[in-house]
């Protein structure tokens, strides 16, 4: 069973969101990294890029597949986790500690459309 962290928001495409002071840290879930297998490359967006809810902002490549990462919310990227450029395997080691981007949230009501841990768990089963 994949690890699911309480208190985060989730998407049915296996991204997570952690909200702190008007910002959203976005990453992929444990289920996603397990499904992908050994991650070998993370394509990172640029800081100051605009992201739209439901649209691709990153791509992750593993030894067996490539997968787009969709933004759960709309906003401006204020920080990227550039550790992932040299060490994409960090997503395999702990997908919840190793976020991909930090986004300034444009519309907090979009969070209401996301899943809580219980709802996400049902999707993974």
C-alpha atoms as a PDB file:
ATOM      1  CA  UNK A   1       0.000   0.000   0.000  1.00  0.00           C
ATOM      2  CA  UNK A   2       1.330   3.409  -0.973  1.00  0.00           C
ATOM      3  CA  UNK A   3       1.940   6.044   1.670  1.00  0.00           C
ATOM      4  CA  UNK A   4      -0.728   8.773   1.804  1.00  0.00           C
ATOM      5  CA  UNK A   5      -0.115  11.795   4.009  1.00  0.00           C
ATOM      6  CA  UNK A   6      -3.010  13.344   5.967  1.00  0.00           C
ATOM      7  CA  UNK A   7      -3.535  17.079   5.623  1.00  0.00           C
ATOM      8  CA  UNK A   8      -2.493  17.358   1.973  1.00  0.00           C
ATOM      9  CA  UNK A   9      -4.692  17.867  -1.067  1.00  0.00           C
ATOM     10  CA  UNK A  10      -4.575  15.293  -3.874  1.00  0.00           C
ATOM     11  CA  UNK A  11      -5.562  14.954  -7.528  1.00  0.00           C
ATOM     12  CA  UNK A  12      -6.884  11.874  -9.288  1.00  0.00           C
ATOM     13  CA  UNK A  13      -3.770  12.143 -11.509  1.00  0.00           C
ATOM     14  CA  UNK A  14      -1.541  11.506  -8.447  1.00  0.00           C
ATOM     15  CA  UNK A  15      -0.184  14.954  -7.584  1.00  0.00           C
ATOM     16  CA  UNK A  16      -0.207  16.335  -4.037  1.00  0.00           C
ATOM     17  CA  UNK A  17      -0.494  19.905  -2.751  1.00  0.00           C
ATOM     18  CA  UNK A  18       0.731  21.245   0.582  1.00  0.00           C
ATOM     19  CA  UNK A  19      -0.556  24.750   1.343  1.00  0.00           C
ATOM     20  CA  UNK A  20       1.541  27.143   3.430  1.00  0.00           C
ATOM     21  CA  UNK A  21       0.770  30.871   3.784  1.00  0.00           C
ATOM     22  CA  UNK A  22      -0.808  31.390   0.369  1.00  0.00           C
ATOM     23  CA  UNK A  23       1.678  29.157  -1.431  1.00  0.00           C
ATOM     24  CA  UNK A  24       1.284  25.601  -2.708  1.00  0.00           C
ATOM     25  CA  UNK A  25       4.086  23.060  -2.787  1.00  0.00           C
ATOM     26  CA  UNK A  26       3.297  20.526  -5.527  1.00  0.00           C
ATOM     27  CA  UNK A  27       4.758  17.062  -5.993  1.00  0.00           C
ATOM     28  CA  UNK A  28       3.880  13.547  -7.051  1.00  0.00           C
ATOM     29  CA  UNK A  29       2.423  10.968  -4.695  1.00  0.00           C
ATOM     30  CA  UNK A  30       4.039   7.810  -3.424  1.00  0.00           C
ATOM     31  CA  UNK A  31       1.592   5.853  -5.613  1.00  0.00           C
ATOM     32  CA  UNK A  32       2.828   7.780  -8.680  1.00  0.00           C
ATOM     33  CA  UNK A  33       6.512   7.189  -7.983  1.00  0.00           C
ATOM     34  CA  UNK A  34       5.856   3.474  -7.320  1.00  0.00           C
ATOM     35  CA  UNK A  35       3.951   3.192 -10.607  1.00  0.00           C
ATOM     36  CA  UNK A  36       6.726   4.935 -12.539  1.00  0.00           C
ATOM     37  CA  UNK A  37       9.556   2.901 -11.048  1.00  0.00           C
ATOM     38  CA  UNK A  38      13.128   4.203 -11.041  1.00  0.00           C
ATOM     39  CA  UNK A  39      12.953   7.920 -11.920  1.00  0.00           C
ATOM     40  CA  UNK A  40      15.847   9.068 -14.117  1.00  0.00           C
ATOM     41  CA  UNK A  41      14.850  12.585 -15.231  1.00  0.00           C
ATOM     42  CA  UNK A  42      12.578  15.435 -14.144  1.00  0.00           C
ATOM     43  CA  UNK A  43      11.792  18.216 -16.619  1.00  0.00           C
ATOM     44  CA  UNK A  44      11.393  21.354 -14.536  1.00  0.00           C
ATOM     45  CA  UNK A  45       9.481  24.487 -15.536  1.00  0.00           C
ATOM     46  CA  UNK A  46      10.891  28.010 -15.164  1.00  0.00           C
ATOM     47  CA  UNK A  47      10.364  30.245 -12.150  1.00  0.00           C
ATOM     48  CA  UNK A  48       7.748  32.933 -12.889  1.00  0.00           C
ATOM     49  CA  UNK A  49       5.921  30.595 -15.312  1.00  0.00           C
ATOM     50  CA  UNK A  50       2.129  30.750 -15.053  1.00  0.00           C
ATOM     51  CA  UNK A  51       0.498  27.374 -14.369  1.00  0.00           C
ATOM     52  CA  UNK A  52      -3.157  26.556 -14.950  1.00  0.00           C
ATOM     53  CA  UNK A  53      -5.154  23.998 -12.990  1.00  0.00           C
ATOM     54  CA  UNK A  54      -5.282  20.732 -14.934  1.00  0.00           C
ATOM     55  CA  UNK A  55      -2.474  21.646 -17.335  1.00  0.00           C
ATOM     56  CA  UNK A  56       0.977  20.068 -17.634  1.00  0.00           C
ATOM     57  CA  UNK A  57       3.877  21.926 -16.032  1.00  0.00           C
ATOM     58  CA  UNK A  58       6.507  19.187 -15.748  1.00  0.00           C
ATOM     59  CA  UNK A  59       7.386  15.739 -17.033  1.00  0.00           C
ATOM     60  CA  UNK A  60       8.995  12.815 -15.256  1.00  0.00           C
ATOM     61  CA  UNK A  61      10.860  10.015 -16.985  1.00  0.00           C
ATOM     62  CA  UNK A  62      11.587   6.644 -15.458  1.00  0.00           C
ATOM     63  CA  UNK A  63      13.278   3.552 -16.820  1.00  0.00           C
ATOM     64  CA  UNK A  64       9.870   2.232 -17.876  1.00  0.00           C
ATOM     65  CA  UNK A  65       7.666   5.255 -18.642  1.00  0.00           C
ATOM     66  CA  UNK A  66       7.309   8.997 -19.034  1.00  0.00           C
ATOM     67  CA  UNK A  67       4.534  10.889 -17.324  1.00  0.00           C
ATOM     68  CA  UNK A  68       3.258  14.460 -17.407  1.00  0.00           C
ATOM     69  CA  UNK A  69       2.768  16.267 -14.120  1.00  0.00           C
ATOM     70  CA  UNK A  70      -0.412  18.370 -14.049  1.00  0.00           C
ATOM     71  CA  UNK A  71      -0.882  21.432 -11.898  1.00  0.00           C
ATOM     72  CA  UNK A  72      -3.667  21.024  -9.330  1.00  0.00           C
ATOM     73  CA  UNK A  73      -4.074  24.805  -9.087  1.00  0.00           C
ATOM     74  CA  UNK A  74      -3.618  28.050 -11.019  1.00  0.00           C
ATOM     75  CA  UNK A  75      -0.832  30.443 -10.078  1.00  0.00           C
ATOM     76  CA  UNK A  76       2.734  31.614 -10.630  1.00  0.00           C
ATOM     77  CA  UNK A  77       5.758  29.372  -9.992  1.00  0.00           C
ATOM     78  CA  UNK A  78       7.919  31.165  -7.429  1.00  0.00           C
ATOM     79  CA  UNK A  79      10.443  28.386  -6.802  1.00  0.00           C
ATOM     80  CA  UNK A  80      11.544  25.135  -8.433  1.00  0.00           C
ATOM     81  CA  UNK A  81      13.245  22.280  -6.610  1.00  0.00           C
ATOM     82  CA  UNK A  82      16.474  22.284  -8.620  1.00  0.00           C
ATOM     83  CA  UNK A  83      17.850  19.415  -6.493  1.00  0.00           C
ATOM     84  CA  UNK A  84      15.788  17.201  -8.812  1.00  0.00           C
ATOM     85  CA  UNK A  85      17.937  18.177 -11.823  1.00  0.00           C
ATOM     86  CA  UNK A  86      20.953  16.336 -10.420  1.00  0.00           C
ATOM     87  CA  UNK A  87      19.074  13.812  -8.286  1.00  0.00           C
ATOM     88  CA  UNK A  88      15.690  12.864  -9.825  1.00  0.00           C
ATOM     89  CA  UNK A  89      15.733   9.692  -7.684  1.00  0.00           C
ATOM     90  CA  UNK A  90      14.838  11.878  -4.674  1.00  0.00           C
ATOM     91  CA  UNK A  91      11.221  11.455  -5.830  1.00  0.00           C
ATOM     92  CA  UNK A  92      11.592   7.692  -5.365  1.00  0.00           C
ATOM     93  CA  UNK A  93      13.238   8.088  -1.961  1.00  0.00           C
ATOM     94  CA  UNK A  94      10.524  10.322  -0.477  1.00  0.00           C
ATOM     95  CA  UNK A  95       7.951  11.749  -2.848  1.00  0.00           C
ATOM     96  CA  UNK A  96       6.330  13.870  -0.101  1.00  0.00           C
ATOM     97  CA  UNK A  97       9.535  15.540   1.123  1.00  0.00           C
ATOM     98  CA  UNK A  98      10.709  16.307  -2.399  1.00  0.00           C
ATOM     99  CA  UNK A  99       8.270  18.750  -3.966  1.00  0.00           C
ATOM    100  CA  UNK A 100       8.688  19.849  -7.597  1.00  0.00           C
ATOM    101  CA  UNK A 101       7.481  23.475  -7.537  1.00  0.00           C
ATOM    102  CA  UNK A 102       6.238  26.151  -5.159  1.00  0.00           C
ATOM    103  CA  UNK A 103       3.340  28.157  -6.597  1.00  0.00           C
ATOM    104  CA  UNK A 104       1.719  31.390  -5.460  1.00  0.00           C
ATOM    105  CA  UNK A 105      -1.962  30.443  -5.338  1.00  0.00           C
ATOM    106  CA  UNK A 106      -4.182  32.613  -7.536  1.00  0.00           C
ATOM    107  CA  UNK A 107      -7.581  31.240  -6.493  1.00  0.00           C
ATOM    108  CA  UNK A 108      -7.871  29.399  -3.160  1.00  0.00           C
ATOM    109  CA  UNK A 109     -11.360  28.111  -4.084  1.00  0.00           C
ATOM    110  CA  UNK A 110      -9.680  25.694  -6.549  1.00  0.00           C
ATOM    111  CA  UNK A 111      -8.477  23.734  -3.511  1.00  0.00           C
ATOM    112  CA  UNK A 112     -12.116  22.756  -2.849  1.00  0.00           C
ATOM    113  CA  UNK A 113     -12.063  20.679  -6.059  1.00  0.00           C
ATOM    114  CA  UNK A 114      -9.135  18.560  -4.859  1.00  0.00           C
ATOM    115  CA  UNK A 115      -9.289  15.305  -2.895  1.00  0.00           C
ATOM    116  CA  UNK A 116      -8.494  14.779   0.772  1.00  0.00           C
ATOM    117  CA  UNK A 117      -6.395  11.810   1.952  1.00  0.00           C
ATOM    118  CA  UNK A 118      -9.439   9.536   2.429  1.00  0.00           C
ATOM    119  CA  UNK A 119     -10.849  10.292  -1.036  1.00  0.00           C
ATOM    120  CA  UNK A 120      -7.429   9.806  -2.629  1.00  0.00           C
ATOM    121  CA  UNK A 121      -6.952   6.483  -0.840  1.00  0.00           C
ATOM    122  CA  UNK A 122     -10.155   5.191  -2.494  1.00  0.00           C
ATOM    123  CA  UNK A 123      -8.739   6.025  -5.951  1.00  0.00           C
ATOM    124  CA  UNK A 124      -5.529   4.109  -5.217  1.00  0.00           C
ATOM    125  CA  UNK A 125      -7.289   0.951  -4.058  1.00  0.00           C
END
